[in-house]
PDB file of N, CA and C in Angstrom:
ATOM      1  N   UNK A   1     -15.559   8.532  13.520  1.00  0.00           N
ATOM      2  CA  UNK A   1     -16.093   9.588  12.668  1.00  0.00           C
ATOM      3  C   UNK A   1     -14.975  10.130  11.789  1.00  0.00           C
ATOM      4  N   UNK A   2     -15.308  10.354  10.549  1.00  0.00           N
ATOM      5  CA  UNK A   2     -14.326  10.855   9.595  1.00  0.00           C
ATOM      6  C   UNK A   2     -14.101  12.347   9.781  1.00  0.00           C
ATOM      7  N   UNK A   3     -12.860  12.738   9.584  1.00  0.00           N
ATOM      8  CA  UNK A   3     -12.542  14.157   9.674  1.00  0.00           C
ATOM      9  C   UNK A   3     -12.608  14.783   8.282  1.00  0.00           C
ATOM     10  N   UNK A   4     -12.739  16.074   8.273  1.00  0.00           N
ATOM     11  CA  UNK A   4     -12.738  16.835   7.020  1.00  0.00           C
ATOM     12  C   UNK A   4     -11.435  16.599   6.261  1.00  0.00           C
ATOM     13  N   UNK A   5     -10.314  16.590   6.986  1.00  0.00           N
ATOM     14  CA  UNK A   5      -9.007  16.384   6.355  1.00  0.00           C
ATOM     15  C   UNK A   5      -8.906  15.017   5.687  1.00  0.00           C
ATOM     16  N   UNK A   6      -9.469  13.980   6.319  1.00  0.00           N
ATOM     17  CA  UNK A   6      -9.446  12.646   5.724  1.00  0.00           C
ATOM     18  C   UNK A   6     -10.212  12.629   4.401  1.00  0.00           C
ATOM     19  N   UNK A   7     -11.364  13.262   4.390  1.00  0.00           N
ATOM     20  CA  UNK A   7     -12.174  13.294   3.177  1.00  0.00           C
ATOM     21  C   UNK A   7     -11.482  14.067   2.055  1.00  0.00           C
ATOM     22  N   UNK A   8     -10.899  15.202   2.384  1.00  0.00           N
ATOM     23  CA  UNK A   8     -10.199  16.008   1.378  1.00  0.00           C
ATOM     24  C   UNK A   8      -8.989  15.253   0.838  1.00  0.00           C
ATOM     25  N   UNK A   9      -8.255  14.614   1.720  1.00  0.00           N
ATOM     26  CA  UNK A   9      -7.081  13.831   1.299  1.00  0.00           C
ATOM     27  C   UNK A   9      -7.505  12.703   0.361  1.00  0.00           C
ATOM     28  N   UNK A  10      -8.575  11.993   0.703  1.00  0.00           N
ATOM     29  CA  UNK A  10      -9.061  10.895  -0.132  1.00  0.00           C
ATOM     30  C   UNK A  10      -9.531  11.414  -1.493  1.00  0.00           C
ATOM     31  N   UNK A  11     -10.291  12.509  -1.487  1.00  0.00           N
ATOM     32  CA  UNK A  11     -10.802  13.105  -2.729  1.00  0.00           C
ATOM     33  C   UNK A  11      -9.651  13.552  -3.624  1.00  0.00           C
ATOM     34  N   UNK A  12      -8.648  14.160  -3.016  1.00  0.00           N
ATOM     35  CA  UNK A  12      -7.500  14.658  -3.771  1.00  0.00           C
ATOM     36  C   UNK A  12      -6.677  13.508  -4.341  1.00  0.00           C
ATOM     37  N   UNK A  13      -6.433  12.477  -3.538  1.00  0.00           N
ATOM     38  CA  UNK A  13      -5.644  11.338  -4.005  1.00  0.00           C
ATOM     39  C   UNK A  13      -6.290  10.682  -5.210  1.00  0.00           C
ATOM     40  N   UNK A  14      -7.613  10.533  -5.166  1.00  0.00           N
ATOM     41  CA  UNK A  14      -8.310   9.902  -6.280  1.00  0.00           C
ATOM     42  C   UNK A  14      -8.600  10.874  -7.425  1.00  0.00           C
ATOM     43  N   UNK A  15      -8.301  12.156  -7.235  1.00  0.00           N
ATOM     44  CA  UNK A  15      -8.489  13.144  -8.297  1.00  0.00           C
ATOM     45  C   UNK A  15      -9.952  13.366  -8.636  1.00  0.00           C
ATOM     46  N   UNK A  16     -10.787  13.460  -7.609  1.00  0.00           N
ATOM     47  CA  UNK A  16     -12.226  13.604  -7.819  1.00  0.00           C
ATOM     48  C   UNK A  16     -12.660  15.065  -7.749  1.00  0.00           C
ATOM     49  N   UNK A  17     -13.731  15.364  -8.458  1.00  0.00           N
ATOM     50  CA  UNK A  17     -14.306  16.709  -8.377  1.00  0.00           C
ATOM     51  C   UNK A  17     -15.115  16.823  -7.095  1.00  0.00           C
ATOM     52  N   UNK A  18     -15.507  18.033  -6.762  1.00  0.00           N
ATOM     53  CA  UNK A  18     -16.299  18.264  -5.553  1.00  0.00           C
ATOM     54  C   UNK A  18     -17.665  17.592  -5.607  1.00  0.00           C
ATOM     55  N   UNK A  19     -18.169  17.356  -6.800  1.00  0.00           N
ATOM     56  CA  UNK A  19     -19.499  16.771  -6.947  1.00  0.00           C
ATOM     57  C   UNK A  19     -19.438  15.407  -7.619  1.00  0.00           C
ATOM     58  N   UNK A  20     -18.418  14.628  -7.288  1.00  0.00           N
ATOM     59  CA  UNK A  20     -18.260  13.301  -7.880  1.00  0.00           C
ATOM     60  C   UNK A  20     -19.389  12.384  -7.430  1.00  0.00           C
ATOM     61  N   UNK A  21     -19.864  11.575  -8.351  1.00  0.00           N
ATOM     62  CA  UNK A  21     -20.897  10.597  -8.027  1.00  0.00           C
ATOM     63  C   UNK A  21     -20.238   9.323  -7.520  1.00  0.00           C
ATOM     64  N   UNK A  22     -21.044   8.450  -6.934  1.00  0.00           N
ATOM     65  CA  UNK A  22     -20.517   7.178  -6.460  1.00  0.00           C
ATOM     66  C   UNK A  22     -19.951   6.375  -7.624  1.00  0.00           C
ATOM     67  N   UNK A  23     -20.589   6.447  -8.759  1.00  0.00           N
ATOM     68  CA  UNK A  23     -20.099   5.759  -9.952  1.00  0.00           C
ATOM     69  C   UNK A  23     -18.730   6.295 -10.379  1.00  0.00           C
ATOM     70  N   UNK A  24     -18.553   7.602 -10.334  1.00  0.00           N
ATOM     71  CA  UNK A  24     -17.266   8.211 -10.684  1.00  0.00           C
ATOM     72  C   UNK A  24     -16.183   7.815  -9.682  1.00  0.00           C
ATOM     73  N   UNK A  25     -16.553   7.732  -8.411  1.00  0.00           N
ATOM     74  CA  UNK A  25     -15.587   7.325  -7.380  1.00  0.00           C
ATOM     75  C   UNK A  25     -15.107   5.902  -7.664  1.00  0.00           C
ATOM     76  N   UNK A  26     -16.048   5.003  -7.954  1.00  0.00           N
ATOM     77  CA  UNK A  26     -15.691   3.606  -8.228  1.00  0.00           C
ATOM     78  C   UNK A  26     -14.842   3.479  -9.488  1.00  0.00           C
ATOM     79  N   UNK A  27     -15.202   4.207 -10.522  1.00  0.00           N
ATOM     80  CA  UNK A  27     -14.452   4.153 -11.781  1.00  0.00           C
ATOM     81  C   UNK A  27     -13.023   4.658 -11.580  1.00  0.00           C
ATOM     82  N   UNK A  28     -12.890   5.756 -10.882  1.00  0.00           N
ATOM     83  CA  UNK A  28     -11.556   6.330 -10.629  1.00  0.00           C
ATOM     84  C   UNK A  28     -10.719   5.380  -9.767  1.00  0.00           C
ATOM     85  N   UNK A  29     -11.344   4.775  -8.759  1.00  0.00           N
ATOM     86  CA  UNK A  29     -10.647   3.820  -7.896  1.00  0.00           C
ATOM     87  C   UNK A  29     -10.124   2.640  -8.718  1.00  0.00           C
ATOM     88  N   UNK A  30     -10.981   2.055  -9.534  1.00  0.00           N
ATOM     89  CA  UNK A  30     -10.577   0.902 -10.336  1.00  0.00           C
ATOM     90  C   UNK A  30      -9.439   1.261 -11.292  1.00  0.00           C
ATOM     91  N   UNK A  31      -9.543   2.423 -11.917  1.00  0.00           N
ATOM     92  CA  UNK A  31      -8.497   2.856 -12.838  1.00  0.00           C
ATOM     93  C   UNK A  31      -7.161   3.060 -12.146  1.00  0.00           C
ATOM     94  N   UNK A  32      -7.197   3.672 -10.976  1.00  0.00           N
ATOM     95  CA  UNK A  32      -5.943   3.912 -10.249  1.00  0.00           C
ATOM     96  C   UNK A  32      -5.352   2.609  -9.715  1.00  0.00           C
ATOM     97  N   UNK A  33      -6.217   1.679  -9.299  1.00  0.00           N
ATOM     98  CA  UNK A  33      -5.709   0.391  -8.824  1.00  0.00           C
ATOM     99  C   UNK A  33      -5.052  -0.384  -9.961  1.00  0.00           C
ATOM    100  N   UNK A  34      -5.609  -0.293 -11.151  1.00  0.00           N
ATOM    101  CA  UNK A  34      -4.976  -0.939 -12.307  1.00  0.00           C
ATOM    102  C   UNK A  34      -3.634  -0.283 -12.616  1.00  0.00           C
ATOM    103  N   UNK A  35      -3.601   1.032 -12.526  1.00  0.00           N
ATOM    104  CA  UNK A  35      -2.378   1.782 -12.807  1.00  0.00           C
ATOM    105  C   UNK A  35      -1.279   1.464 -11.799  1.00  0.00           C
ATOM    106  N   UNK A  36      -1.628   1.356 -10.522  1.00  0.00           N
ATOM    107  CA  UNK A  36      -0.629   1.194  -9.463  1.00  0.00           C
ATOM    108  C   UNK A  36      -0.520  -0.229  -8.917  1.00  0.00           C
ATOM    109  N   UNK A  37      -1.084  -1.194  -9.603  1.00  0.00           N
ATOM    110  CA  UNK A  37      -0.973  -2.570  -9.124  1.00  0.00           C
ATOM    111  C   UNK A  37       0.503  -2.968  -9.080  1.00  0.00           C
ATOM    112  N   UNK A  38       0.950  -3.592  -7.990  1.00  0.00           N
ATOM    113  CA  UNK A  38       2.373  -3.956  -7.861  1.00  0.00           C
ATOM    114  C   UNK A  38       2.894  -4.837  -9.000  1.00  0.00           C
ATOM    115  N   UNK A  39       2.047  -5.653  -9.615  1.00  0.00           N
ATOM    116  CA  UNK A  39       2.485  -6.488 -10.735  1.00  0.00           C
ATOM    117  C   UNK A  39       2.894  -5.656 -11.948  1.00  0.00           C
ATOM    118  N   UNK A  40       2.374  -4.448 -12.055  1.00  0.00           N
ATOM    119  CA  UNK A  40       2.709  -3.579 -13.185  1.00  0.00           C
ATOM    120  C   UNK A  40       3.989  -2.780 -12.937  1.00  0.00           C
ATOM    121  N   UNK A  41       4.522  -2.860 -11.734  1.00  0.00           N
ATOM    122  CA  UNK A  41       5.741  -2.126 -11.368  1.00  0.00           C
ATOM    123  C   UNK A  41       6.739  -3.069 -10.692  1.00  0.00           C
ATOM    124  N   UNK A  42       7.231  -4.073 -11.434  1.00  0.00           N
ATOM    125  CA  UNK A  42       8.135  -5.041 -10.804  1.00  0.00           C
ATOM    126  C   UNK A  42       9.450  -4.422 -10.335  1.00  0.00           C
ATOM    127  N   UNK A  43       9.861  -3.335 -10.961  1.00  0.00           N
ATOM    128  CA  UNK A  43      11.120  -2.687 -10.570  1.00  0.00           C
ATOM    129  C   UNK A  43      10.955  -1.756  -9.377  1.00  0.00           C
ATOM    130  N   UNK A  44       9.715  -1.415  -9.048  1.00  0.00           N
ATOM    131  CA  UNK A  44       9.459  -0.515  -7.918  1.00  0.00           C
ATOM    132  C   UNK A  44       8.214  -0.982  -7.164  1.00  0.00           C
ATOM    133  N   UNK A  45       8.250  -2.237  -6.743  1.00  0.00           N
ATOM    134  CA  UNK A  45       7.098  -2.857  -6.090  1.00  0.00           C
ATOM    135  C   UNK A  45       6.745  -2.169  -4.774  1.00  0.00           C
ATOM    136  N   UNK A  46       7.750  -1.663  -4.069  1.00  0.00           N
ATOM    137  CA  UNK A  46       7.477  -1.006  -2.783  1.00  0.00           C
ATOM    138  C   UNK A  46       6.635   0.256  -2.967  1.00  0.00           C
ATOM    139  N   UNK A  47       6.970   1.072  -3.955  1.00  0.00           N
ATOM    140  CA  UNK A  47       6.203   2.291  -4.232  1.00  0.00           C
ATOM    141  C   UNK A  47       4.796   1.934  -4.696  1.00  0.00           C
ATOM    142  N   UNK A  48       4.697   0.937  -5.571  1.00  0.00           N
ATOM    143  CA  UNK A  48       3.393   0.518  -6.071  1.00  0.00           C
ATOM    144  C   UNK A  48       2.529  -0.026  -4.934  1.00  0.00           C
ATOM    145  N   UNK A  49       3.129  -0.793  -4.048  1.00  0.00           N
ATOM    146  CA  UNK A  49       2.386  -1.321  -2.899  1.00  0.00           C
ATOM    147  C   UNK A  49       1.913  -0.176  -1.993  1.00  0.00           C
ATOM    148  N   UNK A  50       2.773   0.792  -1.761  1.00  0.00           N
ATOM    149  CA  UNK A  50       2.409   1.941  -0.919  1.00  0.00           C
ATOM    150  C   UNK A  50       1.263   2.731  -1.559  1.00  0.00           C
ATOM    151  N   UNK A  51       1.337   2.954  -2.866  1.00  0.00           N
ATOM    152  CA  UNK A  51       0.269   3.677  -3.563  1.00  0.00           C
ATOM    153  C   UNK A  51      -1.025   2.883  -3.536  1.00  0.00           C
ATOM    154  N   UNK A  52      -0.945   1.574  -3.755  1.00  0.00           N
ATOM    155  CA  UNK A  52      -2.141   0.730  -3.714  1.00  0.00           C
ATOM    156  C   UNK A  52      -2.807   0.798  -2.345  1.00  0.00           C
ATOM    157  N   UNK A  53      -2.008   0.794  -1.312  1.00  0.00           N
ATOM    158  CA  UNK A  53      -2.526   0.890   0.047  1.00  0.00           C
ATOM    159  C   UNK A  53      -3.223   2.231   0.264  1.00  0.00           C
ATOM    160  N   UNK A  54      -2.591   3.317  -0.186  1.00  0.00           N
ATOM    161  CA  UNK A  54      -3.190   4.651  -0.035  1.00  0.00           C
ATOM    162  C   UNK A  54      -4.497   4.757  -0.819  1.00  0.00           C
ATOM    163  N   UNK A  55      -4.522   4.195  -2.011  1.00  0.00           N
ATOM    164  CA  UNK A  55      -5.730   4.239  -2.854  1.00  0.00           C
ATOM    165  C   UNK A  55      -6.855   3.448  -2.186  1.00  0.00           C
ATOM    166  N   UNK A  56      -6.539   2.273  -1.660  1.00  0.00           N
ATOM    167  CA  UNK A  56      -7.542   1.466  -0.963  1.00  0.00           C
ATOM    168  C   UNK A  56      -8.097   2.201   0.253  1.00  0.00           C
ATOM    169  N   UNK A  57      -7.224   2.847   1.008  1.00  0.00           N
ATOM    170  CA  UNK A  57      -7.657   3.595   2.195  1.00  0.00           C
ATOM    171  C   UNK A  57      -8.535   4.782   1.806  1.00  0.00           C
ATOM    172  N   UNK A  58      -8.169   5.482   0.732  1.00  0.00           N
ATOM    173  CA  UNK A  58      -8.961   6.625   0.265  1.00  0.00           C
ATOM    174  C   UNK A  58     -10.349   6.162  -0.177  1.00  0.00           C
ATOM    175  N   UNK A  59     -10.389   5.065  -0.894  1.00  0.00           N
ATOM    176  CA  UNK A  59     -11.662   4.516  -1.366  1.00  0.00           C
ATOM    177  C   UNK A  59     -12.534   4.101  -0.186  1.00  0.00           C
ATOM    178  N   UNK A  60     -11.938   3.430   0.782  1.00  0.00           N
ATOM    179  CA  UNK A  60     -12.678   3.006   1.975  1.00  0.00           C
ATOM    180  C   UNK A  60     -13.223   4.223   2.735  1.00  0.00           C
ATOM    181  N   UNK A  61     -12.434   5.281   2.823  1.00  0.00           N
ATOM    182  CA  UNK A  61     -12.858   6.502   3.503  1.00  0.00           C
ATOM    183  C   UNK A  61     -14.075   7.103   2.809  1.00  0.00           C
ATOM    184  N   UNK A  62     -14.013   7.200   1.492  1.00  0.00           N
ATOM    185  CA  UNK A  62     -15.128   7.786   0.746  1.00  0.00           C
ATOM    186  C   UNK A  62     -16.381   6.915   0.810  1.00  0.00           C
ATOM    187  N   UNK A  63     -16.214   5.597   0.757  1.00  0.00           N
ATOM    188  CA  UNK A  63     -17.368   4.709   0.869  1.00  0.00           C
ATOM    189  C   UNK A  63     -17.996   4.793   2.257  1.00  0.00           C
ATOM    190  N   UNK A  64     -17.160   4.920   3.282  1.00  0.00           N
ATOM    191  CA  UNK A  64     -17.685   5.071   4.634  1.00  0.00           C
ATOM    192  C   UNK A  64     -18.500   6.359   4.737  1.00  0.00           C
ATOM    193  N   UNK A  65     -17.965   7.435   4.167  1.00  0.00           N
ATOM    194  CA  UNK A  65     -18.688   8.709   4.183  1.00  0.00           C
ATOM    195  C   UNK A  65     -20.038   8.568   3.464  1.00  0.00           C
ATOM    196  N   UNK A  66     -20.012   7.946   2.290  1.00  0.00           N
ATOM    197  CA  UNK A  66     -21.246   7.788   1.508  1.00  0.00           C
ATOM    198  C   UNK A  66     -22.253   6.894   2.223  1.00  0.00           C
ATOM    199  N   UNK A  67     -21.788   5.859   2.890  1.00  0.00           N
ATOM    200  CA  UNK A  67     -22.720   4.942   3.552  1.00  0.00           C
ATOM    201  C   UNK A  67     -23.345   5.558   4.793  1.00  0.00           C
ATOM    202  N   UNK A  68     -22.712   6.557   5.371  1.00  0.00           N
ATOM    203  CA  UNK A  68     -23.252   7.201   6.564  1.00  0.00           C
ATOM    204  C   UNK A  68     -24.038   8.470   6.265  1.00  0.00           C
ATOM    205  N   UNK A  69     -24.124   8.834   4.991  1.00  0.00           N
ATOM    206  CA  UNK A  69     -24.865  10.030   4.609  1.00  0.00           C
ATOM    207  C   UNK A  69     -26.351   9.741   4.734  1.00  0.00           C
ATOM    208  N   UNK A  70     -27.087  10.612   5.363  1.00  0.00           N
ATOM    209  CA  UNK A  70     -28.514  10.408   5.567  1.00  0.00           C
ATOM    210  C   UNK A  70     -29.321  11.184   4.536  1.00  0.00           C
ATOM    211  N   UNK A  71     -30.221  10.480   3.893  1.00  0.00           N
ATOM    212  CA  UNK A  71     -31.123  11.084   2.922  1.00  0.00           C
ATOM    213  C   UNK A  71     -32.495  11.227   3.560  1.00  0.00           C
ATOM    214  N   UNK A  72     -33.149  12.308   3.268  1.00  0.00           N
ATOM    215  CA  UNK A  72     -34.473  12.557   3.816  1.00  0.00           C
ATOM    216  C   UNK A  72     -35.508  12.230   2.743  1.00  0.00           C
ATOM    217  N   UNK A  73     -36.296  11.187   2.973  1.00  0.00           N
ATOM    218  CA  UNK A  73     -37.306  10.782   2.007  1.00  0.00           C
ATOM    219  C   UNK A  73     -38.729  11.062   2.489  1.00  0.00           C
ATOM    220  N   UNK A  74     -38.859  11.945   3.469  1.00  0.00           N
ATOM    221  CA  UNK A  74     -40.196  12.306   3.917  1.00  0.00           C
ATOM    222  C   UNK A  74     -40.915  13.036   2.790  1.00  0.00           C
ATOM    223  N   UNK A  75     -42.176  12.700   2.601  1.00  0.00           N
ATOM    224  CA  UNK A  75     -42.935  13.249   1.481  1.00  0.00           C
ATOM    225  C   UNK A  75     -42.965  14.775   1.484  1.00  0.00           C
ATOM    226  N   UNK A  76     -43.171  15.372   2.649  1.00  0.00           N
ATOM    227  CA  UNK A  76     -43.231  16.833   2.739  1.00  0.00           C
ATOM    228  C   UNK A  76     -41.901  17.462   2.319  1.00  0.00           C
ATOM    229  N   UNK A  77     -40.789  16.872   2.749  1.00  0.00           N
ATOM    230  CA  UNK A  77     -39.466  17.377   2.380  1.00  0.00           C
ATOM    231  C   UNK A  77     -39.252  17.282   0.870  1.00  0.00           C
ATOM    232  N   UNK A  78     -39.608  16.131   0.296  1.00  0.00           N
ATOM    233  CA  UNK A  78     -39.415  15.937  -1.141  1.00  0.00           C
ATOM    234  C   UNK A  78     -40.272  16.901  -1.960  1.00  0.00           C
ATOM    235  N   UNK A  79     -41.499  17.130  -1.535  1.00  0.00           N
ATOM    236  CA  UNK A  79     -42.359  18.066  -2.253  1.00  0.00           C
ATOM    237  C   UNK A  79     -41.780  19.471  -2.207  1.00  0.00           C
ATOM    238  N   UNK A  80     -41.196  19.825  -1.079  1.00  0.00           N
ATOM    239  CA  UNK A  80     -40.608  21.153  -0.927  1.00  0.00           C
ATOM    240  C   UNK A  80     -39.329  21.286  -1.757  1.00  0.00           C
ATOM    241  N   UNK A  81     -38.555  20.201  -1.879  1.00  0.00           N
ATOM    242  CA  UNK A  81     -37.266  20.241  -2.566  1.00  0.00           C
ATOM    243  C   UNK A  81     -37.376  20.024  -4.069  1.00  0.00           C
ATOM    244  N   UNK A  82     -38.418  19.379  -4.527  1.00  0.00           N
ATOM    245  CA  UNK A  82     -38.548  19.022  -5.932  1.00  0.00           C
ATOM    246  C   UNK A  82     -39.258  20.135  -6.699  1.00  0.00           C
ATOM    247  N   UNK A  83     -38.681  20.494  -7.810  1.00  0.00           N
ATOM    248  CA  UNK A  83     -39.266  21.542  -8.653  1.00  0.00           C
ATOM    249  C   UNK A  83     -39.964  20.923  -9.851  1.00  0.00           C
ATOM    250  N   UNK A  84     -41.051  21.534 -10.269  1.00  0.00           N
ATOM    251  CA  UNK A  84     -41.676  21.128 -11.522  1.00  0.00           C
ATOM    252  C   UNK A  84     -40.770  21.625 -12.646  1.00  0.00           C
ATOM    253  N   UNK A  85     -40.931  21.094 -13.857  1.00  0.00           N
ATOM    254  CA  UNK A  85     -40.107  21.593 -14.973  1.00  0.00           C
ATOM    255  C   UNK A  85     -40.214  23.105 -15.168  1.00  0.00           C
ATOM    256  N   UNK A  86     -41.429  23.649 -15.021  1.00  0.00           N
ATOM    257  CA  UNK A  86     -41.626  25.095 -15.172  1.00  0.00           C
ATOM    258  C   UNK A  86     -40.899  25.866 -14.073  1.00  0.00           C
ATOM    259  N   UNK A  87     -41.000  25.377 -12.835  1.00  0.00           N
ATOM    260  CA  UNK A  87     -40.311  26.034 -11.722  1.00  0.00           C
ATOM    261  C   UNK A  87     -38.793  25.996 -11.916  1.00  0.00           C
ATOM    262  N   UNK A  88     -38.291  24.842 -12.386  1.00  0.00           N
ATOM    263  CA  UNK A  88     -36.858  24.720 -12.633  1.00  0.00           C
ATOM    264  C   UNK A  88     -36.405  25.719 -13.684  1.00  0.00           C
ATOM    265  N   UNK A  89     -37.147  25.799 -14.780  1.00  0.00           N
ATOM    266  CA  UNK A  89     -36.801  26.711 -15.869  1.00  0.00           C
ATOM    267  C   UNK A  89     -36.799  28.157 -15.387  1.00  0.00           C
ATOM    268  N   UNK A  90     -37.839  28.525 -14.640  1.00  0.00           N
ATOM    269  CA  UNK A  90     -37.962  29.883 -14.134  1.00  0.00           C
ATOM    270  C   UNK A  90     -36.811  30.199 -13.180  1.00  0.00           C
ATOM    271  N   UNK A  91     -36.482  29.270 -12.304  1.00  0.00           N
ATOM    272  CA  UNK A  91     -35.398  29.469 -11.355  1.00  0.00           C
ATOM    273  C   UNK A  91     -34.056  29.586 -12.084  1.00  0.00           C
ATOM    274  N   UNK A  92     -33.869  28.775 -13.118  1.00  0.00           N
ATOM    275  CA  UNK A  92     -32.601  28.745 -13.851  1.00  0.00           C
ATOM    276  C   UNK A  92     -32.458  29.945 -14.775  1.00  0.00           C
ATOM    277  N   UNK A  93     -33.532  30.295 -15.513  1.00  0.00           N
ATOM    278  CA  UNK A  93     -33.424  31.307 -16.560  1.00  0.00           C
ATOM    279  C   UNK A  93     -34.300  32.528 -16.360  1.00  0.00           C
ATOM    280  N   UNK A  94     -35.135  32.500 -15.326  1.00  0.00           N
ATOM    281  CA  UNK A  94     -36.026  33.634 -15.092  1.00  0.00           C
ATOM    282  C   UNK A  94     -37.315  33.505 -15.887  1.00  0.00           C
ATOM    283  N   UNK A  95     -38.291  34.264 -15.480  1.00  0.00           N
ATOM    284  CA  UNK A  95     -39.590  34.215 -16.166  1.00  0.00           C
ATOM    285  C   UNK A  95     -39.640  35.192 -17.321  1.00  0.00           C
ATOM    286  N   UNK A  96     -40.697  35.082 -18.090  1.00  0.00           N
ATOM    287  CA  UNK A  96     -40.856  36.006 -19.223  1.00  0.00           C
ATOM    288  C   UNK A  96     -41.637  37.205 -18.825  1.00  0.00           C
TER     289      UNK A  96
END
């Protein structure tokens, strides 16, 4: 089971917002891996390798968290959670 500290460390390393989407996580991971690939740092391959390892571990941690997240697709739950456009507007901006 993942700890809160592991998740925060992974989120911070990848520079993600609190509400990052899976697409944003993947994009950030790919960008950082390109940036820290050991081939791009021939004069400091050890640091680049260490960073690549940390980035891979952070990505794996976040993917594990996302894959274990449970979504509730019961019809009653969805009806209760889903707002009509009018309800959304009223909740967001108030009624007239």
